[in-house]
Protein backbone atom coordinates (compact mmCIF):
# COMPACT_ATOMS: atom_id res chain seq x y z
CA MET A 1 -15.27 -12.74 10.94
CA ILE A 2 -12.98 -15.13 9.07
CA PRO A 3 -10.58 -13.02 6.97
CA ALA A 4 -10.45 -13.61 3.23
CA TYR A 5 -6.65 -13.61 3.26
CA ALA A 6 -3.83 -15.43 5.00
CA TYR A 7 -1.36 -12.97 6.50
CA GLN A 8 1.82 -12.56 8.51
CA ILE A 9 1.88 -10.02 11.33
CA SER A 10 4.67 -8.47 13.36
CA LEU A 11 3.80 -6.52 16.53
CA PRO A 12 6.16 -4.18 18.40
CA GLU A 13 8.20 -6.17 20.93
CA HIS A 14 6.53 -4.63 23.98
CA VAL A 15 2.88 -3.88 23.25
CA GLU A 16 1.47 -1.62 25.94
CA PRO A 17 -2.13 -2.05 27.11
CA ASP A 18 -4.59 0.52 25.74
CA LYS A 19 -2.00 1.85 23.29
CA THR A 20 -2.41 1.78 19.52
CA TYR A 21 0.36 1.73 16.93
CA PRO A 22 0.91 2.98 13.40
CA THR A 23 0.36 0.09 11.02
CA VAL A 24 1.60 -0.83 7.57
CA PHE A 25 -0.38 -3.30 5.46
CA THR A 26 1.75 -4.72 2.64
CA LEU A 27 0.59 -6.06 -0.72
CA HIS A 28 2.96 -8.15 -2.83
CA GLY A 29 3.44 -8.42 -6.57
CA LYS A 30 1.87 -10.93 -8.96
CA GLY A 31 3.18 -14.45 -8.38
CA SER A 32 4.89 -13.51 -5.11
CA ASN A 33 3.82 -13.95 -1.47
CA GLU A 34 3.61 -12.16 1.85
CA ARG A 35 7.03 -13.38 3.04
CA ASN A 36 8.75 -11.46 0.26
CA MET A 37 7.34 -8.21 1.62
CA ALA A 38 8.70 -8.65 5.15
CA GLY A 39 12.18 -7.52 4.09
CA LEU A 40 10.74 -4.25 2.78
CA THR A 41 9.39 -3.28 6.20
CA GLU A 42 11.98 -4.76 8.56
CA PRO A 43 13.37 -1.33 9.60
CA LEU A 44 9.87 -0.32 10.75
CA GLU A 45 9.17 -3.24 13.04
CA GLY A 46 10.14 -1.55 16.29
CA ASP A 47 7.69 1.29 15.73
CA PHE A 48 4.94 -0.13 13.52
CA ILE A 49 2.64 -3.08 13.36
CA THR A 50 3.34 -4.71 9.99
CA ILE A 51 0.73 -6.93 8.35
CA HIS A 52 1.72 -8.76 5.18
CA ILE A 53 -1.33 -9.90 3.21
CA ARG A 54 -1.11 -12.92 0.90
CA GLY A 55 -3.17 -12.89 -2.29
CA ASP A 56 -5.90 -15.52 -2.26
CA LEU A 57 -5.46 -16.70 -5.87
CA LEU A 58 -2.74 -19.22 -6.74
CA LEU A 59 -0.33 -18.29 -9.51
CA GLY A 60 2.49 -20.76 -10.10
CA ALA A 61 4.49 -21.07 -6.90
CA GLY A 62 3.04 -17.78 -5.60
CA TYR A 63 -0.17 -15.82 -5.36
CA GLN A 64 -2.07 -12.88 -6.79
CA TYR A 65 -4.96 -10.68 -5.63
CA TYR A 66 -6.73 -10.56 -9.00
CA GLU A 67 -6.45 -12.10 -12.46
CA LEU A 68 -5.33 -10.46 -15.68
CA LYS A 69 -6.64 -10.62 -19.22
CA SER A 70 -3.27 -9.30 -20.36
CA LEU A 71 -0.48 -7.18 -18.93
CA GLY A 72 -2.01 -4.00 -17.51
CA ASN A 73 -5.54 -5.25 -18.16
CA PRO A 74 -7.17 -6.69 -15.01
CA VAL A 75 -10.20 -8.96 -15.10
CA ARG A 76 -12.77 -6.48 -13.82
CA GLU A 77 -14.81 -8.89 -11.69
CA SER A 78 -11.68 -10.30 -10.07
CA PHE A 79 -10.24 -6.83 -9.45
CA ASP A 80 -13.47 -5.47 -7.94
CA ARG A 81 -13.68 -8.47 -5.62
CA ALA A 82 -10.08 -7.94 -4.43
CA VAL A 83 -10.71 -4.26 -3.65
CA GLN A 84 -13.84 -5.09 -1.63
CA GLN A 85 -12.17 -7.94 0.24
CA LEU A 86 -9.09 -5.87 1.08
CA GLU A 87 -11.23 -3.00 2.38
CA ALA A 88 -12.96 -5.54 4.65
CA PHE A 89 -9.62 -7.05 5.72
CA ILE A 90 -8.24 -3.67 6.78
CA GLY A 91 -11.34 -3.18 8.92
CA TYR A 92 -11.00 -6.69 10.39
CA ALA A 93 -7.33 -6.26 11.32
CA SER A 94 -7.97 -2.79 12.75
CA GLU A 95 -10.47 -4.28 15.20
CA LYS A 96 -8.45 -7.40 16.06
CA TYR A 97 -5.08 -5.71 16.71
CA PRO A 98 -4.02 -2.43 18.44
CA VAL A 99 -4.02 -0.50 15.17
CA ASP A 100 -4.04 3.30 15.31
CA THR A 101 -6.78 3.96 12.76
CA GLY A 102 -5.42 7.48 12.27
CA ARG A 103 -2.07 6.06 11.16
CA ARG A 104 -2.88 3.27 8.72
CA TYR A 105 -0.62 2.92 5.69
CA LEU A 106 -0.45 0.62 2.68
CA LEU A 107 2.79 -0.44 1.04
CA GLY A 108 2.47 -2.23 -2.28
CA PHE A 109 4.79 -3.39 -5.05
CA SER A 110 3.65 -3.88 -8.68
CA GLN A 111 0.21 -5.54 -8.47
CA GLY A 112 0.22 -4.58 -4.79
CA ALA A 113 0.98 -0.97 -5.76
CA ILE A 114 -1.94 -0.99 -8.21
CA ILE A 115 -4.26 -2.17 -5.45
CA SER A 116 -2.77 0.32 -2.95
CA LEU A 117 -3.38 3.25 -5.30
CA THR A 118 -6.94 2.05 -5.89
CA LEU A 119 -7.63 1.68 -2.17
CA ALA A 120 -6.32 5.19 -1.55
CA LEU A 121 -9.01 6.40 -3.93
CA THR A 122 -11.84 4.24 -2.55
CA LEU A 123 -11.04 4.65 1.15
CA GLY A 124 -9.88 8.27 1.10
CA ASP A 125 -8.91 9.61 4.51
CA ALA A 126 -9.68 6.28 6.19
CA LEU A 127 -6.01 5.77 5.27
CA GLN A 128 -3.26 8.13 6.34
CA GLY A 129 -1.02 7.26 3.42
CA ILE A 130 0.32 4.77 0.91
CA VAL A 131 3.64 3.74 -0.57
CA ALA A 132 3.18 2.58 -4.17
CA LEU A 133 6.26 1.05 -5.80
CA ASN A 134 6.20 0.52 -9.59
CA GLY A 135 2.45 0.50 -10.16
CA TYR A 136 -0.36 2.39 -11.91
CA ILE A 137 -4.11 3.05 -11.69
CA PRO A 138 -6.38 1.14 -14.09
CA GLN A 139 -8.39 3.46 -16.33
CA PHE A 140 -11.72 2.03 -15.19
CA VAL A 141 -10.86 2.93 -11.60
CA LYS A 142 -10.43 6.58 -12.62
CA THR A 143 -13.64 6.73 -14.64
CA GLU A 144 -16.04 4.24 -13.03
CA TYR A 145 -15.14 3.87 -9.36
CA SER A 146 -16.63 6.01 -6.62
CA VAL A 147 -13.58 8.02 -5.58
CA LYS A 148 -13.44 9.63 -2.15
CA ALA A 149 -11.73 12.88 -1.22
CA MET A 150 -8.09 12.24 -0.37
CA GLU A 151 -6.62 15.73 -0.15
CA ASP A 152 -4.94 14.92 3.17
CA VAL A 153 -3.81 11.40 2.27
CA SER A 154 -0.04 11.19 1.90
CA VAL A 155 1.34 9.30 -1.10
CA PHE A 156 4.89 8.10 -1.73
CA LEU A 157 5.09 7.04 -5.36
CA SER A 158 8.21 5.61 -6.96
CA HIS A 159 9.13 4.00 -10.26
CA GLY A 160 12.16 2.42 -11.89
CA GLU A 161 13.59 4.51 -14.73
CA TYR A 162 14.30 1.29 -16.68
CA ASP A 163 11.18 -0.61 -15.65
CA SER A 164 10.67 -3.27 -18.33
CA VAL A 165 7.19 -4.24 -17.07
CA PHE A 166 5.56 -0.82 -16.60
CA PRO A 167 7.68 1.72 -18.54
CA ILE A 168 8.69 4.92 -16.78
CA HIS A 169 6.10 7.04 -18.62
CA ILE A 170 3.44 5.12 -16.65
CA GLY A 171 5.05 6.29 -13.41
CA HIS A 172 4.97 9.91 -14.58
CA GLU A 173 1.34 9.59 -15.71
CA THR A 174 0.37 8.11 -12.34
CA ALA A 175 2.18 10.88 -10.48
CA GLU A 176 0.41 13.51 -12.58
CA TYR A 177 -2.98 11.99 -11.79
CA MET A 178 -2.25 11.67 -8.05
CA GLN A 179 -1.00 15.26 -7.94
CA GLY A 180 -4.54 16.27 -8.81
CA MET A 181 -5.91 14.17 -5.94
CA THR A 182 -3.63 15.10 -3.03
CA SER A 183 -1.29 17.92 -2.08
CA ARG A 184 0.83 15.45 -0.12
CA LEU A 185 2.55 13.61 -2.98
CA THR A 186 6.18 12.53 -3.06
CA PHE A 187 7.32 11.10 -6.41
CA LYS A 188 10.77 9.64 -6.94
CA THR A 189 12.43 7.65 -9.71
CA TYR A 190 15.37 5.30 -9.37
CA ALA A 191 17.95 3.88 -11.78
CA SER A 192 16.43 0.41 -11.66
CA ASP A 193 14.25 -2.09 -13.51
CA HIS A 194 11.03 -3.47 -12.00
CA GLY A 195 12.26 -3.74 -8.43
CA VAL A 196 13.10 -1.95 -5.20
CA THR A 197 16.61 -0.60 -4.65
CA GLU A 198 18.18 -0.03 -1.26
CA GLU A 199 17.99 3.73 -1.90
CA ASN A 200 14.28 3.41 -2.67
CA LYS A 201 13.75 1.41 0.52
CA ALA A 202 15.68 3.89 2.66
CA ASP A 203 13.63 6.77 1.22
CA TYR A 204 10.18 5.31 1.86
CA VAL A 205 11.17 4.00 5.32
CA SER A 206 12.31 7.53 6.27
CA TRP A 207 9.08 8.93 4.78
CA LEU A 208 6.88 6.53 6.75
CA LEU A 209 8.70 7.21 10.03
CA GLN A 210 8.35 10.95 9.50
CA GLU A 211 4.70 10.69 8.46
CA ALA A 212 3.74 8.60 11.50
CA ALA A 213 5.63 10.93 13.85
CA ILE A 214 3.94 14.00 12.36
CA ILE A 215 0.49 12.50 12.90
CA GLU A 216 1.39 11.43 16.44
CA ASP A 217 2.59 14.96 17.24
CA LYS A 218 -0.67 16.43 15.90
CA GLY A 219 -2.64 14.03 18.09
CA ALA A 220 -0.63 15.01 21.15
CA MET A 221 -1.22 18.71 20.46
CA LYS A 222 -4.99 18.17 20.24
CA SER A 223 -5.08 16.30 23.54
C-alpha cells in the first residue's frame, strides 16, 4: 500500500525485536505542516513512536487535510475523504511499524483536533485515546456519521480561554458532548489564544505517559 500522506516518524532509540510501542499520530492545523507538530511530542520520543502526518492538500506555504467553505464549515466531500484516508493510514502505519495497537493515540491541533475528535467517534476503541487541542466536532459528524462506542476511549480536551478562532464556548460545548460519549474525559482551559502553552503541553504529555503506563500495566496483569 502507498500511503495517502507524507509523514515524519520517530522511533525509540533502541527498538527491541518483537516488542511493540505506544504510538502517537499527530495532525497539524490548517496551513501548517508535520514538522510543526514534532515540538509538541518531543518529550515523548524516548517512550513512544511518534508519527507526524502531513495534510495532502496545499494551502499557501503549508497544508490542510480538508477544505473549508467558511470558518467552521468543512466541505463535506473533502472532510469525508480525509477521515477515510486517515483511518486507512493508521492501519497502514500499524502494520509497517512496531505499533502497539492497544496503545494508539491521536494528538491534533485546530483542524487536526477536529479530525482527531471525529476519528475517536468513527474508530471507537480501535484507539486508546486522543489529545484534541482547540478544536470542535462538526454538527454533521454528530448527526450523520456512524459513531462507534467509545466508553473506554480516553480523551484529553483543551481550549484557550481567549481563543479568537474558535471561542471558548465551543470548547465547553465540545467537552459537554464528549462527556456523554466517554467516562474518561479530561477537559482543561488555559489563559491563551489559539495556541498551545507550555503548561498545556506539560499537562497532556503527563497525561499520555500515565495513560500508556496504565494500559501497559493492565496488559502485564492479564499475561
